[in-house]
Amino acid sequence: MKIEHTGVTLSPLFKLFLKTIDRVTPVCTTEIIAFARANTYFEQLNTNLLGLSIDSNASHLAWIYDIYCKTGIQIPFPIIADRSGQIARKYGMIANDISTTETVRNVFIIDDKQVVRTIMIYPLNVGRFIPEIIRTVQALQMADCSQGSTAANWMPGQPVIVPPPKTFCELEERQNFINENRNGISWYLSFKQPPEICEKNISKKTNDCKE
């Protein structure tokens, strides 16, 4: 199974996440340590981490070795050495109006069909927030499994939004159902508990990750 343009072959366990990092900077160092610490939570979501930098492989080795020597933390995921910037440019990671070489802080969440489902872009001086990235992966998996949508501030264990009706008859049925069950505000916005199998398949480690 391959991600287009990277030339990197990934196992079928790869499901939803491509994480890209800039060249070696203080903020990137805090991020790579944070992702390493959160790797177990991503694995529980059937999600593999993949980093990318426009530095050389030797630079990566020196960097992660220095992190290990200073903190004792080993980086458990691969980092692509994109020296030419070819991959970074194809994924739109280089903001030419800011720098022609440095990448902005991107997160790509890619599903098991190799479809990019979410793109997060952070400025160079703001680090990524790991709990929100985990929550987004959980929300994508829940929406797919339950065939619904997740509301603002949704967290695992909460109801999902029912798809809106497509015909007038369905609209009337939905409104009557809402009146009886008090599970929405109108025909276009109602909620349901996701199937139990979906709840079981979604890791509920967000609170643990915040600790």
Protein backbone atom coordinates (compact mmCIF):
# COMPACT_ATOMS: atom_id res chain seq x y z
CA MET A 1 0.00 0.00 0.00
CA LYS A 2 1.56 3.30 -1.05
CA ILE A 3 0.96 6.97 -0.37
CA GLU A 4 1.09 8.80 -3.67
CA HIS A 5 4.26 10.81 -4.37
CA THR A 6 6.22 9.63 -1.32
CA GLY A 7 7.49 6.34 -2.73
CA VAL A 8 7.18 4.88 0.77
CA THR A 9 5.49 1.50 1.14
CA LEU A 10 3.35 1.21 4.26
CA SER A 11 1.82 -1.86 5.86
CA PRO A 12 -1.96 -2.46 5.82
CA LEU A 13 -1.99 -1.32 9.47
CA PHE A 14 -1.52 2.26 8.31
CA LYS A 15 -4.89 3.86 8.47
CA LEU A 16 -5.41 7.54 8.96
CA PHE A 17 -2.40 9.68 9.68
CA LEU A 18 0.51 11.25 7.83
CA LYS A 19 2.35 13.65 10.08
CA THR A 20 4.87 16.03 8.53
CA ILE A 21 7.54 17.97 10.38
CA ASP A 22 9.75 20.89 9.45
CA ARG A 23 13.50 20.94 9.43
CA VAL A 24 15.18 20.75 12.84
CA THR A 25 13.98 23.65 15.02
CA PRO A 26 13.23 24.03 18.74
CA VAL A 27 9.46 23.84 18.15
CA CYS A 28 9.87 20.74 15.96
CA THR A 29 11.90 19.10 18.70
CA THR A 30 9.07 19.57 21.20
CA GLU A 31 6.62 18.22 18.63
CA ILE A 32 8.55 15.09 17.73
CA ILE A 33 8.93 14.30 21.43
CA ALA A 34 5.19 14.85 21.96
CA PHE A 35 4.29 12.60 19.02
CA ALA A 36 6.70 9.92 20.27
CA ARG A 37 5.02 9.98 23.68
CA ALA A 38 1.57 9.80 22.06
CA ASN A 39 2.48 7.03 19.62
CA THR A 40 0.71 4.37 21.72
CA TYR A 41 -2.57 6.29 21.50
CA PHE A 42 -2.30 6.49 17.72
CA GLU A 43 -1.53 2.77 17.50
CA GLN A 44 -4.69 2.05 19.51
CA LEU A 45 -6.54 3.94 16.77
CA ASN A 46 -4.90 1.74 14.12
CA THR A 47 -2.92 4.78 13.03
CA ASN A 48 0.74 4.91 12.10
CA LEU A 49 2.82 8.08 12.25
CA LEU A 50 5.04 9.12 9.37
CA GLY A 51 7.27 12.20 9.53
CA LEU A 52 8.82 14.24 6.74
CA SER A 53 11.60 16.83 6.80
CA ILE A 54 13.66 18.60 4.14
CA ASP A 55 16.84 17.82 6.09
CA SER A 56 19.16 14.91 5.25
CA ASN A 57 18.98 11.44 6.74
CA ALA A 58 22.27 12.08 8.56
CA SER A 59 20.76 15.21 10.09
CA HIS A 60 17.72 13.21 11.20
CA LEU A 61 19.92 10.57 12.81
CA ALA A 62 21.94 13.20 14.67
CA TRP A 63 18.74 14.92 15.78
CA ILE A 64 16.91 11.87 17.11
CA TYR A 65 20.10 10.60 18.71
CA ASP A 66 20.54 13.91 20.52
CA ILE A 67 16.91 13.73 21.67
CA TYR A 68 17.53 10.21 22.95
CA CYS A 69 20.72 11.23 24.78
CA LYS A 70 19.05 14.25 26.41
CA THR A 71 15.64 12.73 27.23
CA GLY A 72 15.88 8.95 26.88
CA ILE A 73 13.01 9.04 24.36
CA GLN A 74 13.32 6.93 21.22
CA ILE A 75 11.39 8.09 18.14
CA PRO A 76 9.18 5.10 17.15
CA PHE A 77 8.15 6.22 13.65
CA PRO A 78 10.04 6.84 10.38
CA ILE A 79 11.01 10.27 9.07
CA ILE A 80 11.36 10.79 5.32
CA ALA A 81 14.42 12.80 4.22
CA ASP A 82 12.98 15.02 1.46
CA ARG A 83 16.17 16.92 0.61
CA SER A 84 14.89 18.22 -2.73
CA GLY A 85 11.59 19.34 -1.23
CA GLN A 86 9.76 17.49 -4.01
CA ILE A 87 7.30 15.74 -1.70
CA ALA A 88 6.81 18.84 0.44
CA ARG A 89 5.91 20.94 -2.60
CA LYS A 90 3.50 18.35 -4.00
CA TYR A 91 1.68 18.31 -0.67
CA GLY A 92 1.71 22.11 -0.42
CA MET A 93 3.89 22.17 2.69
CA ILE A 94 6.17 25.03 1.61
CA ALA A 95 4.67 28.51 1.93
CA ASN A 96 6.58 30.49 -0.69
CA ASP A 97 5.37 33.82 0.69
CA ILE A 98 7.11 32.99 4.00
CA SER A 99 10.08 30.89 2.90
CA THR A 100 11.15 29.00 -0.21
CA THR A 101 12.80 26.26 1.84
CA GLU A 102 11.15 25.98 5.25
CA THR A 103 7.92 24.02 5.52
CA VAL A 104 4.91 25.18 7.46
CA ARG A 105 3.63 22.81 10.15
CA ASN A 106 1.30 20.40 8.37
CA VAL A 107 -0.74 17.44 9.53
CA PHE A 108 -2.36 15.16 6.94
CA ILE A 109 -4.81 12.53 8.12
CA ILE A 110 -5.05 9.83 5.46
CA ASP A 111 -7.49 6.95 5.71
CA ASP A 112 -7.03 3.27 4.87
CA LYS A 113 -8.08 3.96 1.26
CA GLN A 114 -5.22 6.49 0.94
CA VAL A 115 -7.64 9.43 0.82
CA VAL A 116 -6.56 12.65 2.53
CA ARG A 117 -9.41 13.36 4.95
CA THR A 118 -8.03 16.25 6.99
CA ILE A 119 -5.30 18.85 6.51
CA MET A 120 -4.16 20.99 9.45
CA ILE A 121 -1.73 23.87 8.89
CA TYR A 122 0.10 25.64 11.69
CA PRO A 123 2.40 28.69 11.42
CA LEU A 124 6.13 28.24 11.96
CA ASN A 125 6.02 29.66 15.49
CA VAL A 126 3.09 27.56 16.82
CA GLY A 127 3.45 23.90 17.80
CA ARG A 128 0.82 21.30 17.03
CA PHE A 129 -1.74 20.22 19.66
CA ILE A 130 -1.63 16.43 19.91
CA PRO A 131 -4.94 15.85 21.78
CA GLU A 132 -6.90 17.64 19.03
CA ILE A 133 -5.19 15.56 16.35
CA ILE A 134 -6.11 12.38 18.23
CA ARG A 135 -9.69 13.63 18.65
CA THR A 136 -9.93 14.34 14.92
CA VAL A 137 -8.81 10.80 14.08
CA GLN A 138 -11.40 9.47 16.54
CA ALA A 139 -14.09 11.69 15.02
CA LEU A 140 -13.30 10.57 11.47
CA GLN A 141 -13.44 6.92 12.48
CA MET A 142 -16.68 7.42 14.40
CA ALA A 143 -18.33 9.31 11.52
CA ASP A 144 -17.40 6.55 9.09
CA CYS A 145 -18.51 3.73 11.37
CA SER A 146 -21.80 5.32 12.49
CA GLN A 147 -22.65 6.86 9.10
CA GLY A 148 -23.26 10.12 10.90
CA SER A 149 -21.40 13.33 11.67
CA THR A 150 -19.73 14.67 14.78
CA ALA A 151 -20.80 17.99 16.27
CA ALA A 152 -18.64 20.87 17.46
CA ASN A 153 -16.51 19.85 20.44
CA TRP A 154 -17.52 16.20 19.98
CA MET A 155 -15.71 13.73 22.20
CA PRO A 156 -15.79 9.91 22.27
CA GLY A 157 -18.88 8.63 24.08
CA GLN A 158 -21.13 11.42 22.84
CA PRO A 159 -24.01 11.10 20.31
CA VAL A 160 -23.50 11.73 16.60
CA ILE A 161 -25.56 13.82 14.20
CA VAL A 162 -28.06 11.95 12.05
CA PRO A 163 -27.77 12.66 8.30
CA PRO A 164 -30.50 15.12 7.23
CA PRO A 165 -33.58 13.81 5.41
CA LYS A 166 -33.62 13.92 1.63
CA THR A 167 -37.37 14.00 0.94
CA PHE A 168 -40.37 15.79 2.45
CA CYS A 169 -41.75 12.50 3.74
CA GLU A 170 -38.47 11.78 5.49
CA LEU A 171 -38.54 15.31 6.90
CA GLU A 172 -41.97 14.73 8.45
CA GLU A 173 -40.88 11.39 9.88
CA ARG A 174 -37.75 12.95 11.33
CA GLN A 175 -39.64 15.83 12.92
CA ASN A 176 -42.15 13.44 14.50
CA PHE A 177 -39.29 11.29 15.78
CA ILE A 178 -37.62 14.36 17.32
CA ASN A 179 -40.88 15.43 18.98
CA GLU A 180 -41.27 11.97 20.52
CA ASN A 181 -37.68 11.42 21.59
CA ARG A 182 -36.42 14.97 22.17
CA ASN A 183 -33.16 14.15 20.40
CA GLY A 184 -32.77 17.27 18.27
CA ILE A 185 -33.78 20.87 17.68
CA SER A 186 -35.36 20.53 14.24
CA TRP A 187 -35.67 18.17 11.26
CA TYR A 188 -32.22 19.19 10.00
CA LEU A 189 -30.39 18.62 13.31
CA SER A 190 -30.98 15.52 15.40
CA PHE A 191 -28.75 13.11 17.26
CA LYS A 192 -28.42 9.38 17.82
CA GLN A 193 -26.27 7.10 19.90
CA PRO A 194 -23.71 5.44 17.63
CA PRO A 195 -23.78 1.65 17.29
CA GLU A 196 -22.05 -0.17 20.13
CA ILE A 197 -19.48 -1.62 17.74
CA CYS A 198 -18.40 1.92 16.82
CA GLU A 199 -17.94 2.85 20.48
CA LYS A 200 -15.82 -0.25 21.03
CA ASN A 201 -13.66 0.46 17.99
CA ILE A 202 -12.86 4.05 18.98
CA SER A 203 -10.11 4.47 21.54
CA LYS A 204 -11.11 6.60 24.52
CA LYS A 205 -7.63 7.73 25.47
CA THR A 206 -8.04 11.45 24.86
CA ASN A 207 -8.25 12.33 28.54
CA ASP A 208 -5.26 10.12 29.31
CA CYS A 209 -3.27 11.84 26.57
CA LYS A 210 -3.94 15.23 28.16
CA GLU A 211 -2.37 14.17 31.43
